[in-house]
Amino acid sequence: MNKIVLEIQQRMVAAGLTLATAESCTGGGIAKEITRVSGSSNYYQGGLVAYQDYIKEKFLGVSAEDISKYDVVSEPVVRQMVQGACKMFGTDYAIGSTGYADKGSNGIPSGTIWIAWGTQDNICTKCLTLNIDRETNTRHAIEEALKGLLKSLQSLDYS
């Protein structure tokens, strides 16, 4: 995964962009992968592990109504996590994650994880439906989120 993070870093630094993370089920794993690569402080501003719903609401501005209506593991919630992280940390980009890594709830099966990446106004999302084990599901979500961000950055024109 270092190769992916290194390319993210090179692209973000070259473009003068900044990044934050808002994580739930990945528990800071995305931030850990980013900060394992030397030089990450040149673009990575910080992250929030928002494990509880009220933390998502209070610090990231996630709508309690949307949590109730769609569930905390949903596309509307992960989108709001990305927007909230961009706002909270004052960054150009953010990555978000929310999911049921090993036990489902409210009719949502175990291994359902929503990830998102992007800017305040341009957010990409992906729903993963994994059912392996907690560690593998989480690891896969971290990798997919970083790959998604890299793909978005690769489409930027630096000229």
N, C-alpha and C. Protein backbone atom coordinates (compact mmCIF):
# COMPACT_ATOMS: atom_id res chain seq x y z
N MET A 1 0.81 -1.20 0.00
CA MET A 1 0.00 0.00 0.00
C MET A 1 0.86 1.26 0.00
N ASN A 2 2.11 1.13 0.43
CA ASN A 2 3.01 2.29 0.44
C ASN A 2 3.13 2.93 -0.93
N LYS A 3 3.13 2.11 -1.99
CA LYS A 3 3.26 2.62 -3.35
C LYS A 3 2.07 3.53 -3.69
N ILE A 4 0.88 3.12 -3.32
CA ILE A 4 -0.32 3.91 -3.58
C ILE A 4 -0.23 5.23 -2.82
N VAL A 5 0.12 5.15 -1.53
CA VAL A 5 0.20 6.36 -0.71
C VAL A 5 1.30 7.29 -1.22
N LEU A 6 2.40 6.74 -1.63
CA LEU A 6 3.49 7.56 -2.16
C LEU A 6 3.04 8.33 -3.41
N GLU A 7 2.29 7.67 -4.28
CA GLU A 7 1.80 8.36 -5.48
C GLU A 7 0.76 9.42 -5.10
N ILE A 8 -0.11 9.12 -4.13
CA ILE A 8 -1.06 10.13 -3.64
C ILE A 8 -0.28 11.34 -3.15
N GLN A 9 0.74 11.09 -2.34
CA GLN A 9 1.54 12.16 -1.78
C GLN A 9 2.18 13.00 -2.89
N GLN A 10 2.80 12.35 -3.84
CA GLN A 10 3.47 13.08 -4.93
C GLN A 10 2.48 13.96 -5.69
N ARG A 11 1.32 13.44 -5.98
CA ARG A 11 0.33 14.19 -6.74
C ARG A 11 -0.25 15.34 -5.92
N MET A 12 -0.52 15.10 -4.66
CA MET A 12 -1.11 16.16 -3.83
C MET A 12 -0.12 17.29 -3.59
N VAL A 13 1.12 16.93 -3.29
CA VAL A 13 2.14 17.95 -3.05
C VAL A 13 2.38 18.76 -4.33
N ALA A 14 2.49 18.08 -5.46
CA ALA A 14 2.72 18.77 -6.74
C ALA A 14 1.60 19.76 -7.06
N ALA A 15 0.39 19.41 -6.68
CA ALA A 15 -0.77 20.27 -6.97
C ALA A 15 -1.08 21.24 -5.83
N GLY A 16 -0.34 21.14 -4.72
CA GLY A 16 -0.59 22.02 -3.59
C GLY A 16 -1.90 21.72 -2.87
N LEU A 17 -2.29 20.44 -2.85
CA LEU A 17 -3.55 20.03 -2.24
C LEU A 17 -3.34 19.45 -0.85
N THR A 18 -4.39 19.50 -0.05
CA THR A 18 -4.34 18.96 1.31
C THR A 18 -5.41 17.90 1.50
N LEU A 19 -5.20 17.05 2.52
CA LEU A 19 -6.06 15.89 2.75
C LEU A 19 -6.33 15.71 4.24
N ALA A 20 -7.55 15.25 4.54
CA ALA A 20 -7.94 14.86 5.90
C ALA A 20 -8.70 13.54 5.81
N THR A 21 -8.92 12.90 6.95
CA THR A 21 -9.68 11.66 7.00
C THR A 21 -10.74 11.74 8.08
N ALA A 22 -11.86 11.06 7.80
CA ALA A 22 -12.95 10.90 8.78
C ALA A 22 -13.31 9.42 8.75
N GLU A 23 -12.93 8.71 9.78
CA GLU A 23 -13.06 7.25 9.77
C GLU A 23 -13.94 6.76 10.89
N SER A 24 -14.68 5.71 10.58
CA SER A 24 -15.43 5.01 11.60
C SER A 24 -14.91 3.58 11.67
N CYS A 25 -15.40 2.70 10.82
CA CYS A 25 -15.04 1.29 10.92
C CYS A 25 -13.57 1.00 10.65
N THR A 26 -12.88 1.88 9.95
CA THR A 26 -11.45 1.65 9.69
C THR A 26 -10.58 2.13 10.85
N GLY A 27 -11.18 2.79 11.83
CA GLY A 27 -10.53 3.09 13.10
C GLY A 27 -9.20 3.81 13.02
N GLY A 28 -9.01 4.66 12.04
CA GLY A 28 -7.74 5.37 11.91
C GLY A 28 -6.74 4.66 11.01
N GLY A 29 -7.15 3.56 10.42
CA GLY A 29 -6.26 2.78 9.56
C GLY A 29 -5.85 3.52 8.29
N ILE A 30 -6.75 4.34 7.75
CA ILE A 30 -6.40 5.11 6.57
C ILE A 30 -5.34 6.14 6.94
N ALA A 31 -5.56 6.83 8.04
CA ALA A 31 -4.57 7.82 8.53
C ALA A 31 -3.23 7.15 8.80
N LYS A 32 -3.27 5.96 9.37
CA LYS A 32 -2.03 5.24 9.67
C LYS A 32 -1.24 4.94 8.39
N GLU A 33 -1.94 4.48 7.35
CA GLU A 33 -1.26 4.17 6.09
C GLU A 33 -0.65 5.44 5.48
N ILE A 34 -1.37 6.55 5.56
CA ILE A 34 -0.88 7.81 5.01
C ILE A 34 0.36 8.27 5.76
N THR A 35 0.32 8.23 7.08
CA THR A 35 1.41 8.77 7.88
C THR A 35 2.60 7.82 8.00
N ARG A 36 2.48 6.61 7.52
CA ARG A 36 3.61 5.68 7.49
C ARG A 36 4.65 6.10 6.45
N VAL A 37 4.23 6.92 5.49
CA VAL A 37 5.12 7.35 4.42
C VAL A 37 5.73 8.70 4.80
N SER A 38 7.05 8.75 4.81
CA SER A 38 7.76 9.99 5.13
C SER A 38 7.32 11.11 4.20
N GLY A 39 7.12 12.30 4.77
CA GLY A 39 6.71 13.46 3.99
C GLY A 39 5.21 13.70 3.99
N SER A 40 4.46 12.86 4.68
CA SER A 40 3.00 13.00 4.68
C SER A 40 2.53 14.33 5.29
N SER A 41 3.37 14.92 6.14
CA SER A 41 2.98 16.20 6.75
C SER A 41 2.95 17.34 5.73
N ASN A 42 3.45 17.09 4.53
CA ASN A 42 3.42 18.10 3.48
C ASN A 42 2.04 18.27 2.86
N TYR A 43 1.13 17.34 3.14
CA TYR A 43 -0.23 17.45 2.59
C TYR A 43 -1.32 16.94 3.53
N TYR A 44 -0.99 16.01 4.42
CA TYR A 44 -2.01 15.43 5.30
C TYR A 44 -2.16 16.30 6.55
N GLN A 45 -3.38 16.79 6.76
CA GLN A 45 -3.64 17.71 7.88
C GLN A 45 -4.05 17.01 9.16
N GLY A 46 -4.75 15.88 9.06
CA GLY A 46 -5.19 15.18 10.25
C GLY A 46 -6.44 14.38 9.98
N GLY A 47 -6.90 13.71 11.03
CA GLY A 47 -8.08 12.88 10.87
C GLY A 47 -8.86 12.76 12.16
N LEU A 48 -10.08 12.28 12.02
CA LEU A 48 -10.96 12.05 13.16
C LEU A 48 -11.51 10.64 13.06
N VAL A 49 -11.37 9.88 14.14
CA VAL A 49 -12.04 8.59 14.23
C VAL A 49 -13.37 8.87 14.91
N ALA A 50 -14.42 8.85 14.12
CA ALA A 50 -15.77 9.18 14.60
C ALA A 50 -16.56 7.88 14.71
N TYR A 51 -16.33 7.17 15.79
CA TYR A 51 -16.92 5.85 15.93
C TYR A 51 -18.38 5.90 16.34
N GLN A 52 -18.72 6.85 17.17
CA GLN A 52 -20.09 6.99 17.65
C GLN A 52 -20.87 7.98 16.79
N ASP A 53 -22.17 7.74 16.67
CA ASP A 53 -23.02 8.61 15.85
C ASP A 53 -22.95 10.06 16.28
N TYR A 54 -22.99 10.31 17.59
CA TYR A 54 -23.01 11.70 18.05
C TYR A 54 -21.70 12.43 17.72
N ILE A 55 -20.61 11.71 17.58
CA ILE A 55 -19.35 12.34 17.17
C ILE A 55 -19.44 12.73 15.69
N LYS A 56 -20.01 11.85 14.89
CA LYS A 56 -20.22 12.18 13.47
C LYS A 56 -21.09 13.44 13.34
N GLU A 57 -22.11 13.51 14.18
CA GLU A 57 -23.02 14.66 14.14
C GLU A 57 -22.33 15.93 14.65
N LYS A 58 -21.72 15.85 15.81
CA LYS A 58 -21.16 17.03 16.47
C LYS A 58 -19.96 17.61 15.74
N PHE A 59 -19.04 16.79 15.30
CA PHE A 59 -17.79 17.29 14.73
C PHE A 59 -17.76 17.31 13.20
N LEU A 60 -18.52 16.40 12.57
CA LEU A 60 -18.50 16.33 11.12
C LEU A 60 -19.76 16.90 10.48
N GLY A 61 -20.74 17.22 11.30
CA GLY A 61 -21.98 17.80 10.77
C GLY A 61 -22.89 16.81 10.08
N VAL A 62 -22.72 15.52 10.36
CA VAL A 62 -23.60 14.52 9.77
C VAL A 62 -25.00 14.70 10.35
N SER A 63 -25.99 14.64 9.51
CA SER A 63 -27.38 14.83 9.90
C SER A 63 -27.90 13.64 10.70
N ALA A 64 -28.40 13.91 11.91
CA ALA A 64 -29.01 12.85 12.73
C ALA A 64 -30.22 12.28 12.01
N GLU A 65 -30.92 13.12 11.28
CA GLU A 65 -32.08 12.67 10.51
C GLU A 65 -31.66 11.66 9.44
N ASP A 66 -30.54 11.93 8.77
CA ASP A 66 -30.06 11.00 7.74
C ASP A 66 -29.57 9.69 8.35
N ILE A 67 -28.95 9.76 9.52
CA ILE A 67 -28.53 8.54 10.21
C ILE A 67 -29.76 7.70 10.52
N SER A 68 -30.80 8.35 11.02
CA SER A 68 -32.04 7.64 11.35
C SER A 68 -32.74 7.10 10.11
N LYS A 69 -32.78 7.89 9.06
CA LYS A 69 -33.50 7.52 7.84
C LYS A 69 -32.78 6.46 7.02
N TYR A 70 -31.45 6.63 6.84
CA TYR A 70 -30.69 5.75 5.95
C TYR A 70 -29.81 4.74 6.66
N ASP A 71 -29.54 4.93 7.93
CA ASP A 71 -28.61 4.16 8.76
C ASP A 71 -27.25 4.85 8.73
N VAL A 72 -26.48 4.61 9.76
CA VAL A 72 -25.14 5.21 9.84
C VAL A 72 -24.22 4.63 8.77
N VAL A 73 -24.50 3.43 8.33
CA VAL A 73 -23.73 2.80 7.26
C VAL A 73 -24.51 3.01 5.97
N SER A 74 -24.25 4.17 5.36
CA SER A 74 -25.00 4.55 4.16
C SER A 74 -24.22 5.57 3.35
N GLU A 75 -24.61 5.70 2.10
CA GLU A 75 -23.96 6.67 1.23
C GLU A 75 -24.16 8.11 1.70
N PRO A 76 -25.37 8.52 2.10
CA PRO A 76 -25.52 9.91 2.56
C PRO A 76 -24.62 10.24 3.75
N VAL A 77 -24.46 9.30 4.65
CA VAL A 77 -23.63 9.55 5.84
C VAL A 77 -22.16 9.66 5.46
N VAL A 78 -21.65 8.75 4.64
CA VAL A 78 -20.22 8.81 4.29
C VAL A 78 -19.91 10.06 3.48
N ARG A 79 -20.86 10.50 2.65
CA ARG A 79 -20.67 11.75 1.91
C ARG A 79 -20.52 12.93 2.87
N GLN A 80 -21.39 12.97 3.86
CA GLN A 80 -21.34 14.05 4.84
C GLN A 80 -20.07 13.99 5.69
N MET A 81 -19.55 12.80 5.91
CA MET A 81 -18.29 12.66 6.64
C MET A 81 -17.15 13.30 5.86
N VAL A 82 -17.12 13.08 4.54
CA VAL A 82 -16.09 13.70 3.70
C VAL A 82 -16.23 15.21 3.73
N GLN A 83 -17.44 15.70 3.55
CA GLN A 83 -17.66 17.16 3.57
C GLN A 83 -17.28 17.74 4.93
N GLY A 84 -17.66 17.05 5.99
CA GLY A 84 -17.35 17.53 7.34
C GLY A 84 -15.86 17.55 7.62
N ALA A 85 -15.13 16.54 7.13
CA ALA A 85 -13.68 16.51 7.34
C ALA A 85 -13.00 17.63 6.57
N CYS A 86 -13.44 17.87 5.34
CA CYS A 86 -12.88 18.99 4.56
C CYS A 86 -13.07 20.31 5.32
N LYS A 87 -14.25 20.47 5.87
CA LYS A 87 -14.57 21.71 6.60
C LYS A 87 -13.79 21.79 7.92
N MET A 88 -13.81 20.71 8.68
CA MET A 88 -13.17 20.68 10.00
C MET A 88 -11.67 20.95 9.91
N PHE A 89 -11.02 20.33 8.92
CA PHE A 89 -9.57 20.44 8.81
C PHE A 89 -9.13 21.48 7.78
N GLY A 90 -10.08 22.08 7.08
CA GLY A 90 -9.76 23.09 6.08
C GLY A 90 -8.98 22.53 4.91
N THR A 91 -9.35 21.34 4.46
CA THR A 91 -8.59 20.67 3.40
C THR A 91 -9.34 20.68 2.07
N ASP A 92 -8.57 20.43 1.03
CA ASP A 92 -9.13 20.31 -0.31
C ASP A 92 -9.86 18.98 -0.49
N TYR A 93 -9.28 17.92 0.06
CA TYR A 93 -9.81 16.56 -0.09
C TYR A 93 -9.97 15.89 1.26
N ALA A 94 -10.84 14.88 1.28
CA ALA A 94 -10.97 14.03 2.46
C ALA A 94 -11.36 12.63 2.02
N ILE A 95 -11.11 11.69 2.90
CA ILE A 95 -11.53 10.30 2.74
C ILE A 95 -12.40 9.96 3.94
N GLY A 96 -13.49 9.24 3.70
CA GLY A 96 -14.37 8.83 4.79
C GLY A 96 -14.67 7.34 4.72
N SER A 97 -15.00 6.76 5.88
CA SER A 97 -15.39 5.34 5.94
C SER A 97 -16.41 5.13 7.04
N THR A 98 -17.38 4.29 6.76
CA THR A 98 -18.36 3.88 7.76
C THR A 98 -18.87 2.50 7.38
N GLY A 99 -18.99 1.61 8.34
CA GLY A 99 -19.42 0.27 7.97
C GLY A 99 -19.63 -0.65 9.14
N TYR A 100 -20.12 -1.81 8.80
CA TYR A 100 -20.26 -2.91 9.75
C TYR A 100 -19.21 -3.94 9.38
N ALA A 101 -18.05 -3.82 9.99
CA ALA A 101 -16.90 -4.65 9.60
C ALA A 101 -17.11 -6.13 9.89
N ASP A 102 -17.86 -6.46 10.95
CA ASP A 102 -18.04 -7.88 11.23
C ASP A 102 -19.41 -8.27 11.76
N LYS A 103 -20.27 -7.33 12.04
CA LYS A 103 -21.62 -7.65 12.48
C LYS A 103 -22.57 -6.66 11.84
N GLY A 104 -23.56 -7.18 11.14
CA GLY A 104 -24.54 -6.31 10.51
C GLY A 104 -25.52 -5.74 11.53
N SER A 105 -26.36 -4.83 11.05
CA SER A 105 -27.36 -4.22 11.91
C SER A 105 -28.44 -3.59 11.04
N ASN A 106 -29.63 -3.50 11.58
CA ASN A 106 -30.74 -2.84 10.88
C ASN A 106 -30.96 -3.37 9.47
N GLY A 107 -30.78 -4.66 9.30
CA GLY A 107 -31.00 -5.27 7.99
C GLY A 107 -29.83 -5.12 7.03
N ILE A 108 -28.76 -4.45 7.46
CA ILE A 108 -27.57 -4.29 6.63
C ILE A 108 -26.60 -5.41 7.00
N PRO A 109 -26.18 -6.20 6.02
CA PRO A 109 -25.36 -7.37 6.34
C PRO A 109 -23.95 -7.04 6.83
N SER A 110 -23.41 -7.98 7.56
CA SER A 110 -22.03 -7.92 8.01
C SER A 110 -21.11 -7.73 6.81
N GLY A 111 -20.08 -6.90 6.98
CA GLY A 111 -19.12 -6.67 5.92
C GLY A 111 -19.52 -5.58 4.94
N THR A 112 -20.63 -4.87 5.23
CA THR A 112 -21.03 -3.74 4.39
C THR A 112 -20.26 -2.51 4.86
N ILE A 113 -19.48 -1.93 3.95
CA ILE A 113 -18.67 -0.76 4.28
C ILE A 113 -18.82 0.26 3.16
N TRP A 114 -19.16 1.48 3.54
CA TRP A 114 -19.20 2.60 2.59
C TRP A 114 -17.93 3.41 2.74
N ILE A 115 -17.28 3.67 1.62
CA ILE A 115 -16.10 4.54 1.62
C ILE A 115 -16.36 5.69 0.65
N ALA A 116 -15.71 6.81 0.89
CA ALA A 116 -15.87 7.97 0.02
C ALA A 116 -14.59 8.78 0.03
N TRP A 117 -14.38 9.52 -1.04
CA TRP A 117 -13.22 10.40 -1.15
C TRP A 117 -13.60 11.53 -2.08
N GLY A 118 -12.97 12.66 -1.88
CA GLY A 118 -13.22 13.78 -2.78
C GLY A 118 -13.13 15.11 -2.09
N THR A 119 -13.72 16.10 -2.75
CA THR A 119 -13.75 17.47 -2.26
C THR A 119 -15.14 17.77 -1.72
N GLN A 120 -15.33 18.97 -1.18
CA GLN A 120 -16.65 19.37 -0.69
C GLN A 120 -17.73 19.13 -1.74
N ASP A 121 -17.42 19.43 -2.99
CA ASP A 121 -18.43 19.43 -4.04
C ASP A 121 -18.36 18.26 -5.01
N ASN A 122 -17.34 17.44 -4.91
CA ASN A 122 -17.18 16.33 -5.84
C ASN A 122 -16.72 15.09 -5.07
N ILE A 123 -17.69 14.29 -4.68
CA ILE A 123 -17.42 13.13 -3.83
C ILE A 123 -17.74 11.85 -4.59
N CYS A 124 -16.81 10.92 -4.54
CA CYS A 124 -17.01 9.58 -5.11
C CYS A 124 -17.26 8.62 -3.95
N THR A 125 -18.17 7.68 -4.15
CA THR A 125 -18.48 6.70 -3.11
C THR A 125 -18.40 5.29 -3.67
N LYS A 126 -18.23 4.37 -2.77
CA LYS A 126 -18.21 2.96 -3.14
C LYS A 126 -18.72 2.15 -1.96
N CYS A 127 -19.60 1.21 -2.25
CA CYS A 127 -20.10 0.30 -1.21
C CYS A 127 -19.41 -1.04 -1.38
N LEU A 128 -18.75 -1.47 -0.34
CA LEU A 128 -18.10 -2.77 -0.32
C LEU A 128 -19.01 -3.75 0.41
N THR A 129 -19.17 -4.91 -0.14
CA THR A 129 -19.96 -5.95 0.53
C THR A 129 -19.05 -7.14 0.74
N LEU A 130 -18.33 -7.10 1.82
CA LEU A 130 -17.36 -8.12 2.16
C LEU A 130 -17.93 -8.96 3.29
N ASN A 131 -17.54 -10.17 3.38
CA ASN A 131 -17.97 -10.97 4.52
C ASN A 131 -16.89 -11.99 4.83
N ILE A 132 -15.72 -11.46 5.16
CA ILE A 132 -14.59 -12.33 5.45
C ILE A 132 -14.43 -12.36 6.97
N ASP A 133 -13.63 -11.49 7.50
CA ASP A 133 -13.50 -11.30 8.94
C ASP A 133 -13.20 -9.83 9.17
N ARG A 134 -13.32 -9.38 10.39
CA ARG A 134 -13.20 -7.96 10.71
C ARG A 134 -11.91 -7.34 10.17
N GLU A 135 -10.79 -7.98 10.44
CA GLU A 135 -9.49 -7.43 10.03
C GLU A 135 -9.36 -7.36 8.52
N THR A 136 -9.75 -8.41 7.83
CA THR A 136 -9.64 -8.44 6.37
C THR A 136 -10.61 -7.43 5.74
N ASN A 137 -11.83 -7.36 6.25
CA ASN A 137 -12.80 -6.40 5.73
C ASN A 137 -12.28 -4.97 5.88
N THR A 138 -11.75 -4.66 7.04
CA THR A 138 -11.22 -3.32 7.31
C THR A 138 -10.03 -3.02 6.42
N ARG A 139 -9.13 -3.96 6.31
CA ARG A 139 -7.93 -3.77 5.47
C ARG A 139 -8.31 -3.52 4.02
N HIS A 140 -9.28 -4.27 3.54
CA HIS A 140 -9.73 -4.10 2.16
C HIS A 140 -10.36 -2.71 1.97
N ALA A 141 -11.12 -2.26 2.94
CA ALA A 141 -11.75 -0.93 2.87
C ALA A 141 -10.69 0.17 2.82
N ILE A 142 -9.66 0.05 3.63
CA ILE A 142 -8.56 1.03 3.64
C ILE A 142 -7.91 1.10 2.26
N GLU A 143 -7.59 -0.06 1.71
CA GLU A 143 -6.92 -0.10 0.41
C GLU A 143 -7.82 0.47 -0.69
N GLU A 144 -9.09 0.11 -0.68
CA GLU A 144 -10.02 0.60 -1.71
C GLU A 144 -10.21 2.12 -1.63
N ALA A 145 -10.24 2.65 -0.41
CA ALA A 145 -10.39 4.10 -0.25
C ALA A 145 -9.18 4.83 -0.80
N LEU A 146 -7.99 4.32 -0.50
CA LEU A 146 -6.77 4.95 -1.01
C LEU A 146 -6.66 4.82 -2.53
N LYS A 147 -7.03 3.68 -3.06
CA LYS A 147 -7.02 3.49 -4.52
C LYS A 147 -8.02 4.46 -5.19
N GLY A 148 -9.17 4.63 -4.56
CA GLY A 148 -10.18 5.54 -5.11
C GLY A 148 -9.68 6.97 -5.16
N LEU A 149 -9.06 7.41 -4.07
CA LEU A 149 -8.51 8.76 -4.05
C LEU A 149 -7.44 8.91 -5.13
N LEU A 150 -6.55 7.94 -5.23
CA LEU A 150 -5.49 8.01 -6.25
C LEU A 150 -6.08 8.11 -7.65
N LYS A 151 -7.09 7.32 -7.94
CA LYS A 151 -7.72 7.37 -9.26
C LYS A 151 -8.29 8.76 -9.53
N SER A 152 -8.90 9.38 -8.55
CA SER A 152 -9.43 10.74 -8.72
C SER A 152 -8.30 11.73 -8.97
N LEU A 153 -7.21 11.58 -8.24
CA LEU A 153 -6.07 12.50 -8.42
C LEU A 153 -5.41 12.31 -9.79
N GLN A 154 -5.40 11.08 -10.29
CA GLN A 154 -4.79 10.82 -11.59
C GLN A 154 -5.53 11.54 -12.71
N SER A 155 -6.80 11.86 -12.48
CA SER A 155 -7.58 12.54 -13.52
C SER A 155 -7.38 14.06 -13.51
N LEU A 156 -6.65 14.58 -12.52
CA LEU A 156 -6.40 16.02 -12.45
C LEU A 156 -5.38 16.43 -13.50
N ASP A 157 -5.56 17.62 -14.03
CA ASP A 157 -4.62 18.18 -15.00
C ASP A 157 -3.74 19.18 -14.26
N TYR A 158 -2.45 18.92 -14.16
CA TYR A 158 -1.54 19.78 -13.43
C TYR A 158 -1.00 20.95 -14.25
N SER A 159 -1.30 20.98 -15.53
CA SER A 159 -0.72 22.03 -16.38
C SER A 159 -1.46 23.34 -16.29
